[in-house]
Amino acid sequence: MIDIIKKELTIYTALLTLLIFLMHPDLLSEPTIRLGLMQEKDNYMHPLLYTFFVYLILYFFRAIFGLVKKLIGKD
């Protein structure tokens, strides 16, 4: 069970990092400005929420793929 949680947290963290840098490439060059904007708008949670929705979509596709793989493997 702990291995599953570690695996899913690793996937979620990698997805969060990927989405952050895809949506806000200025974090690499000027991180203090981006953090200042987040403080002004008080929107610290939106990266986590967006990542959660994308994670749910990916989890759905992984579940379907796993089900299909199980069905094909029964032959």
PDB file of N, CA and C in Angstrom:
ATOM      1  N   MET A   1       0.821  -1.198   0.000  1.00  0.00           N
ATOM      2  CA  MET A   1       0.000   0.000   0.000  1.00  0.00           C
ATOM      3  C   MET A   1       0.865   1.262   0.000  1.00  0.00           C
ATOM      4  N   ILE A   2       1.925   1.245   0.808  1.00  0.00           N
ATOM      5  CA  ILE A   2       2.823   2.405   0.863  1.00  0.00           C
ATOM      6  C   ILE A   2       3.498   2.615  -0.487  1.00  0.00           C
ATOM      7  N   ASP A   3       3.831   1.526  -1.177  1.00  0.00           N
ATOM      8  CA  ASP A   3       4.461   1.645  -2.494  1.00  0.00           C
ATOM      9  C   ASP A   3       3.524   2.304  -3.492  1.00  0.00           C
ATOM     10  N   ILE A   4       2.249   1.978  -3.429  1.00  0.00           N
ATOM     11  CA  ILE A   4       1.263   2.584  -4.331  1.00  0.00           C
ATOM     12  C   ILE A   4       1.149   4.076  -4.055  1.00  0.00           C
ATOM     13  N   ILE A   5       1.107   4.443  -2.785  1.00  0.00           N
ATOM     14  CA  ILE A   5       1.011   5.861  -2.417  1.00  0.00           C
ATOM     15  C   ILE A   5       2.253   6.612  -2.880  1.00  0.00           C
ATOM     16  N   LYS A   6       3.426   6.026  -2.681  1.00  0.00           N
ATOM     17  CA  LYS A   6       4.665   6.670  -3.135  1.00  0.00           C
ATOM     18  C   LYS A   6       4.663   6.852  -4.651  1.00  0.00           C
ATOM     19  N   LYS A   7       4.201   5.812  -5.372  1.00  0.00           N
ATOM     20  CA  LYS A   7       4.159   5.883  -6.836  1.00  0.00           C
ATOM     21  C   LYS A   7       3.215   6.992  -7.295  1.00  0.00           C
ATOM     22  N   GLU A   8       2.027   7.057  -6.701  1.00  0.00           N
ATOM     23  CA  GLU A   8       1.054   8.068  -7.107  1.00  0.00           C
ATOM     24  C   GLU A   8       1.506   9.473  -6.723  1.00  0.00           C
ATOM     25  N   LEU A   9       2.146   9.625  -5.572  1.00  0.00           N
ATOM     26  CA  LEU A   9       2.687  10.933  -5.189  1.00  0.00           C
ATOM     27  C   LEU A   9       3.815  11.372  -6.113  1.00  0.00           C
ATOM     28  N   THR A  10       4.620  10.425  -6.552  1.00  0.00           N
ATOM     29  CA  THR A  10       5.684  10.740  -7.504  1.00  0.00           C
ATOM     30  C   THR A  10       5.094  11.198  -8.834  1.00  0.00           C
ATOM     31  N   ILE A  11       4.074  10.506  -9.291  1.00  0.00           N
ATOM     32  CA  ILE A  11       3.405  10.898 -10.541  1.00  0.00           C
ATOM     33  C   ILE A  11       2.785  12.277 -10.392  1.00  0.00           C
ATOM     34  N   TYR A  12       2.101  12.526  -9.272  1.00  0.00           N
ATOM     35  CA  TYR A  12       1.449  13.813  -9.043  1.00  0.00           C
ATOM     36  C   TYR A  12       2.478  14.947  -8.967  1.00  0.00           C
ATOM     37  N   THR A  13       3.574  14.707  -8.272  1.00  0.00           N
ATOM     38  CA  THR A  13       4.615  15.734  -8.140  1.00  0.00           C
ATOM     39  C   THR A  13       5.276  16.032  -9.485  1.00  0.00           C
ATOM     40  N   ALA A  14       5.541  14.991 -10.256  1.00  0.00           N
ATOM     41  CA  ALA A  14       6.132  15.202 -11.587  1.00  0.00           C
ATOM     42  C   ALA A  14       5.169  15.959 -12.488  1.00  0.00           C
ATOM     43  N   LEU A  15       3.889  15.613 -12.409  1.00  0.00           N
ATOM     44  CA  LEU A  15       2.881  16.311 -13.206  1.00  0.00           C
ATOM     45  C   LEU A  15       2.759  17.764 -12.774  1.00  0.00           C
ATOM     46  N   LEU A  16       2.787  18.013 -11.479  1.00  0.00           N
ATOM     47  CA  LEU A  16       2.729  19.382 -10.957  1.00  0.00           C
ATOM     48  C   LEU A  16       3.909  20.203 -11.461  1.00  0.00           C
ATOM     49  N   THR A  17       5.098  19.642 -11.383  1.00  0.00           N
ATOM     50  CA  THR A  17       6.299  20.347 -11.842  1.00  0.00           C
ATOM     51  C   THR A  17       6.229  20.626 -13.338  1.00  0.00           C
ATOM     52  N   LEU A  18       5.817  19.637 -14.102  1.00  0.00           N
ATOM     53  CA  LEU A  18       5.706  19.810 -15.551  1.00  0.00           C
ATOM     54  C   LEU A  18       4.697  20.897 -15.902  1.00  0.00           C
ATOM     55  N   LEU A  19       3.528  20.856 -15.278  1.00  0.00           N
ATOM     56  CA  LEU A  19       2.502  21.860 -15.580  1.00  0.00           C
ATOM     57  C   LEU A  19       2.918  23.255 -15.136  1.00  0.00           C
ATOM     58  N   ILE A  20       3.603  23.350 -14.007  1.00  0.00           N
ATOM     59  CA  ILE A  20       4.052  24.671 -13.539  1.00  0.00           C
ATOM     60  C   ILE A  20       4.992  25.299 -14.562  1.00  0.00           C
ATOM     61  N   PHE A  21       5.957  24.512 -15.040  1.00  0.00           N
ATOM     62  CA  PHE A  21       6.925  25.093 -15.974  1.00  0.00           C
ATOM     63  C   PHE A  21       6.352  25.271 -17.374  1.00  0.00           C
ATOM     64  N   LEU A  22       5.342  24.506 -17.748  1.00  0.00           N
ATOM     65  CA  LEU A  22       4.697  24.718 -19.040  1.00  0.00           C
ATOM     66  C   LEU A  22       3.800  25.947 -19.020  1.00  0.00           C
ATOM     67  N   MET A  23       3.118  26.165 -17.904  1.00  0.00           N
ATOM     68  CA  MET A  23       2.191  27.295 -17.813  1.00  0.00           C
ATOM     69  C   MET A  23       2.894  28.599 -17.454  1.00  0.00           C
ATOM     70  N   HIS A  24       3.986  28.500 -16.707  1.00  0.00           N
ATOM     71  CA  HIS A  24       4.698  29.696 -16.240  1.00  0.00           C
ATOM     72  C   HIS A  24       6.198  29.548 -16.470  1.00  0.00           C
ATOM     73  N   PRO A  25       6.638  29.674 -17.714  1.00  0.00           N
ATOM     74  CA  PRO A  25       8.081  29.511 -17.979  1.00  0.00           C
ATOM     75  C   PRO A  25       8.932  30.606 -17.339  1.00  0.00           C
ATOM     76  N   ASP A  26       8.317  31.718 -16.941  1.00  0.00           N
ATOM     77  CA  ASP A  26       9.076  32.790 -16.302  1.00  0.00           C
ATOM     78  C   ASP A  26       9.548  32.411 -14.899  1.00  0.00           C
ATOM     79  N   LEU A  27       9.077  31.301 -14.368  1.00  0.00           N
ATOM     80  CA  LEU A  27       9.554  30.852 -13.058  1.00  0.00           C
ATOM     81  C   LEU A  27      11.041  30.510 -13.081  1.00  0.00           C
ATOM     82  N   LEU A  28      11.540  30.115 -14.233  1.00  0.00           N
ATOM     83  CA  LEU A  28      12.958  29.792 -14.334  1.00  0.00           C
ATOM     84  C   LEU A  28      13.832  31.039 -14.342  1.00  0.00           C
ATOM     85  N   SER A  29      13.322  32.108 -14.937  1.00  0.00           N
ATOM     86  CA  SER A  29      14.139  33.310 -15.055  1.00  0.00           C
ATOM     87  C   SER A  29      13.865  34.336 -13.948  1.00  0.00           C
ATOM     88  N   GLU A  30      12.586  34.496 -13.557  1.00  0.00           N
ATOM     89  CA  GLU A  30      12.230  35.506 -12.561  1.00  0.00           C
ATOM     90  C   GLU A  30      11.225  34.940 -11.546  1.00  0.00           C
ATOM     91  N   PRO A  31      11.662  34.057 -10.684  1.00  0.00           N
ATOM     92  CA  PRO A  31      10.716  33.426  -9.763  1.00  0.00           C
ATOM     93  C   PRO A  31      10.128  34.388  -8.722  1.00  0.00           C
ATOM     94  N   THR A  32      10.892  35.404  -8.320  1.00  0.00           N
ATOM     95  CA  THR A  32      10.386  36.312  -7.290  1.00  0.00           C
ATOM     96  C   THR A  32       9.224  37.147  -7.800  1.00  0.00           C
ATOM     97  N   ILE A  33       9.257  37.502  -9.064  1.00  0.00           N
ATOM     98  CA  ILE A  33       8.149  38.275  -9.642  1.00  0.00           C
ATOM     99  C   ILE A  33       6.884  37.418  -9.678  1.00  0.00           C
ATOM    100  N   ARG A  34       7.011  36.152 -10.097  1.00  0.00           N
ATOM    101  CA  ARG A  34       5.857  35.255 -10.154  1.00  0.00           C
ATOM    102  C   ARG A  34       5.279  35.024  -8.754  1.00  0.00           C
ATOM    103  N   LEU A  35       6.151  34.819  -7.771  1.00  0.00           N
ATOM    104  CA  LEU A  35       5.669  34.618  -6.403  1.00  0.00           C
ATOM    105  C   LEU A  35       5.008  35.878  -5.856  1.00  0.00           C
ATOM    106  N   GLY A  36       5.524  37.045  -6.237  1.00  0.00           N
ATOM    107  CA  GLY A  36       4.904  38.303  -5.836  1.00  0.00           C
ATOM    108  C   GLY A  36       3.506  38.444  -6.413  1.00  0.00           C
ATOM    109  N   LEU A  37       3.334  38.040  -7.674  1.00  0.00           N
ATOM    110  CA  LEU A  37       2.011  38.083  -8.285  1.00  0.00           C
ATOM    111  C   LEU A  37       1.041  37.119  -7.602  1.00  0.00           C
ATOM    112  N   MET A  38       1.547  35.964  -7.192  1.00  0.00           N
ATOM    113  CA  MET A  38       0.703  35.007  -6.485  1.00  0.00           C
ATOM    114  C   MET A  38       0.268  35.571  -5.135  1.00  0.00           C
ATOM    115  N   GLN A  39       1.144  36.326  -4.468  1.00  0.00           N
ATOM    116  CA  GLN A  39       0.785  36.934  -3.187  1.00  0.00           C
ATOM    117  C   GLN A  39      -0.255  38.025  -3.373  1.00  0.00           C
ATOM    118  N   GLU A  40      -0.110  38.813  -4.437  1.00  0.00           N
ATOM    119  CA  GLU A  40      -1.081  39.877  -4.702  1.00  0.00           C
ATOM    120  C   GLU A  40      -2.470  39.323  -4.963  1.00  0.00           C
ATOM    121  N   LYS A  41      -2.525  38.273  -5.769  1.00  0.00           N
ATOM    122  CA  LYS A  41      -3.823  37.710  -6.163  1.00  0.00           C
ATOM    123  C   LYS A  41      -4.323  36.644  -5.192  1.00  0.00           C
ATOM    124  N   ASP A  42      -3.481  36.246  -4.251  1.00  0.00           N
ATOM    125  CA  ASP A  42      -3.827  35.231  -3.251  1.00  0.00           C
ATOM    126  C   ASP A  42      -4.350  33.952  -3.902  1.00  0.00           C
ATOM    127  N   ASN A  43      -3.610  33.454  -4.901  1.00  0.00           N
ATOM    128  CA  ASN A  43      -4.032  32.247  -5.615  1.00  0.00           C
ATOM    129  C   ASN A  43      -2.955  31.161  -5.544  1.00  0.00           C
ATOM    130  N   TYR A  44      -2.694  30.705  -4.346  1.00  0.00           N
ATOM    131  CA  TYR A  44      -1.694  29.660  -4.154  1.00  0.00           C
ATOM    132  C   TYR A  44      -2.212  28.278  -4.512  1.00  0.00           C
ATOM    133  N   MET A  45      -3.512  28.086  -4.476  1.00  0.00           N
ATOM    134  CA  MET A  45      -4.084  26.752  -4.648  1.00  0.00           C
ATOM    135  C   MET A  45      -4.315  26.357  -6.107  1.00  0.00           C
ATOM    136  N   HIS A  46      -4.351  27.291  -7.027  1.00  0.00           N
ATOM    137  CA  HIS A  46      -4.732  26.938  -8.393  1.00  0.00           C
ATOM    138  C   HIS A  46      -3.785  25.942  -9.066  1.00  0.00           C
ATOM    139  N   PRO A  47      -2.472  25.964  -8.827  1.00  0.00           N
ATOM    140  CA  PRO A  47      -1.641  24.921  -9.454  1.00  0.00           C
ATOM    141  C   PRO A  47      -1.996  23.522  -8.960  1.00  0.00           C
ATOM    142  N   LEU A  48      -2.322  23.420  -7.680  1.00  0.00           N
ATOM    143  CA  LEU A  48      -2.684  22.115  -7.122  1.00  0.00           C
ATOM    144  C   LEU A  48      -4.017  21.627  -7.683  1.00  0.00           C
ATOM    145  N   LEU A  49      -4.966  22.540  -7.850  1.00  0.00           N
ATOM    146  CA  LEU A  49      -6.268  22.148  -8.389  1.00  0.00           C
ATOM    147  C   LEU A  49      -6.165  21.743  -9.858  1.00  0.00           C
ATOM    148  N   TYR A  50      -5.456  22.521 -10.651  1.00  0.00           N
ATOM    149  CA  TYR A  50      -5.285  22.172 -12.066  1.00  0.00           C
ATOM    150  C   TYR A  50      -4.585  20.825 -12.205  1.00  0.00           C
ATOM    151  N   THR A  51      -3.556  20.627 -11.391  1.00  0.00           N
ATOM    152  CA  THR A  51      -2.833  19.359 -11.449  1.00  0.00           C
ATOM    153  C   THR A  51      -3.733  18.207 -11.028  1.00  0.00           C
ATOM    154  N   PHE A  52      -4.581  18.422 -10.041  1.00  0.00           N
ATOM    155  CA  PHE A  52      -5.492  17.375  -9.595  1.00  0.00           C
ATOM    156  C   PHE A  52      -6.448  16.966 -10.715  1.00  0.00           C
ATOM    157  N   PHE A  53      -6.986  17.944 -11.454  1.00  0.00           N
ATOM    158  CA  PHE A  53      -7.903  17.616 -12.551  1.00  0.00           C
ATOM    159  C   PHE A  53      -7.183  16.860 -13.674  1.00  0.00           C
ATOM    160  N   VAL A  54      -5.985  17.281 -14.016  1.00  0.00           N
ATOM    161  CA  VAL A  54      -5.214  16.586 -15.042  1.00  0.00           C
ATOM    162  C   VAL A  54      -4.842  15.192 -14.548  1.00  0.00           C
ATOM    163  N   TYR A  55      -4.498  15.072 -13.272  1.00  0.00           N
ATOM    164  CA  TYR A  55      -4.165  13.769 -12.685  1.00  0.00           C
ATOM    165  C   TYR A  55      -5.370  12.829 -12.758  1.00  0.00           C
ATOM    166  N   LEU A  56      -6.575  13.334 -12.472  1.00  0.00           N
ATOM    167  CA  LEU A  56      -7.772  12.501 -12.552  1.00  0.00           C
ATOM    168  C   LEU A  56      -8.004  11.984 -13.968  1.00  0.00           C
ATOM    169  N   ILE A  57      -7.772  12.836 -14.945  1.00  0.00           N
ATOM    170  CA  ILE A  57      -7.927  12.417 -16.344  1.00  0.00           C
ATOM    171  C   ILE A  57      -6.905  11.335 -16.678  1.00  0.00           C
ATOM    172  N   LEU A  58      -5.654  11.553 -16.292  1.00  0.00           N
ATOM    173  CA  LEU A  58      -4.621  10.547 -16.541  1.00  0.00           C
ATOM    174  C   LEU A  58      -4.910   9.254 -15.790  1.00  0.00           C
ATOM    175  N   TYR A  59      -5.404   9.355 -14.564  1.00  0.00           N
ATOM    176  CA  TYR A  59      -5.736   8.167 -13.785  1.00  0.00           C
ATOM    177  C   TYR A  59      -6.851   7.366 -14.462  1.00  0.00           C
ATOM    178  N   PHE A  60      -7.825   8.064 -15.009  1.00  0.00           N
ATOM    179  CA  PHE A  60      -8.919   7.422 -15.740  1.00  0.00           C
ATOM    180  C   PHE A  60      -8.375   6.646 -16.938  1.00  0.00           C
ATOM    181  N   PHE A  61      -7.497   7.269 -17.716  1.00  0.00           N
ATOM    182  CA  PHE A  61      -6.916   6.585 -18.874  1.00  0.00           C
ATOM    183  C   PHE A  61      -6.029   5.412 -18.450  1.00  0.00           C
ATOM    184  N   ARG A  62      -5.282   5.573 -17.352  1.00  0.00           N
ATOM    185  CA  ARG A  62      -4.463   4.471 -16.857  1.00  0.00           C
ATOM    186  C   ARG A  62      -5.342   3.309 -16.414  1.00  0.00           C
ATOM    187  N   ALA A  63      -6.470   3.605 -15.785  1.00  0.00           N
ATOM    188  CA  ALA A  63      -7.382   2.549 -15.335  1.00  0.00           C
ATOM    189  C   ALA A  63      -7.984   1.810 -16.527  1.00  0.00           C
ATOM    190  N   ILE A  64      -8.390   2.545 -17.551  1.00  0.00           N
ATOM    191  CA  ILE A  64      -8.941   1.909 -18.750  1.00  0.00           C
ATOM    192  C   ILE A  64      -7.880   1.045 -19.425  1.00  0.00           C
ATOM    193  N   PHE A  65      -6.673   1.567 -19.555  1.00  0.00           N
ATOM    194  CA  PHE A  65      -5.588   0.810 -20.178  1.00  0.00           C
ATOM    195  C   PHE A  65      -5.294  -0.461 -19.384  1.00  0.00           C
ATOM    196  N   GLY A  66      -5.274  -0.354 -18.059  1.00  0.00           N
ATOM    197  CA  GLY A  66      -5.039  -1.522 -17.219  1.00  0.00           C
ATOM    198  C   GLY A  66      -6.141  -2.559 -17.360  1.00  0.00           C
ATOM    199  N   LEU A  67      -7.381  -2.110 -17.472  1.00  0.00           N
ATOM    200  CA  LEU A  67      -8.508  -3.024 -17.659  1.00  0.00           C
ATOM    201  C   LEU A  67      -8.420  -3.735 -19.000  1.00  0.00           C
ATOM    202  N   VAL A  68      -8.113  -2.983 -20.046  1.00  0.00           N
ATOM    203  CA  VAL A  68      -7.968  -3.585 -21.371  1.00  0.00           C
ATOM    204  C   VAL A  68      -6.811  -4.573 -21.370  1.00  0.00           C
ATOM    205  N   LYS A  69      -5.722  -4.220 -20.729  1.00  0.00           N
ATOM    206  CA  LYS A  69      -4.556  -5.107 -20.653  1.00  0.00           C
ATOM    207  C   LYS A  69      -4.914  -6.408 -19.920  1.00  0.00           C
ATOM    208  N   LYS A  70      -5.717  -6.309 -18.860  1.00  0.00           N
ATOM    209  CA  LYS A  70      -6.155  -7.504 -18.141  1.00  0.00           C
ATOM    210  C   LYS A  70      -7.046  -8.375 -19.008  1.00  0.00           C
ATOM    211  N   LEU A  71      -7.955  -7.741 -19.743  1.00  0.00           N
ATOM    212  CA  LEU A  71      -8.865  -8.508 -20.587  1.00  0.00           C
ATOM    213  C   LEU A  71      -8.143  -9.217 -21.716  1.00  0.00           C
ATOM    214  N   ILE A  72      -7.184  -8.553 -22.304  1.00  0.00           N
ATOM    215  CA  ILE A  72      -6.415  -9.161 -23.403  1.00  0.00           C
ATOM    216  C   ILE A  72      -5.502 -10.254 -22.864  1.00  0.00           C
ATOM    217  N   GLY A  73      -4.959 -10.064 -21.673  1.00  0.00           N
ATOM    218  CA  GLY A  73      -4.041 -11.028 -21.093  1.00  0.00           C
ATOM    219  C   GLY A  73      -4.707 -12.325 -20.650  1.00  0.00           C
ATOM    220  N   LYS A  74      -6.016 -12.358 -20.566  1.00  0.00           N
ATOM    221  CA  LYS A  74      -6.730 -13.566 -20.117  1.00  0.00           C
ATOM    222  C   LYS A  74      -6.714 -14.673 -21.157  1.00  0.00           C
ATOM    223  N   ASP A  75      -6.457 -14.384 -22.418  1.00  0.00           N
ATOM    224  CA  ASP A  75      -6.509 -15.395 -23.487  1.00  0.00           C
ATOM    225  C   ASP A  75      -5.525 -16.472 -23.301  1.00  0.00           C
TER     226      ASP A  75
END
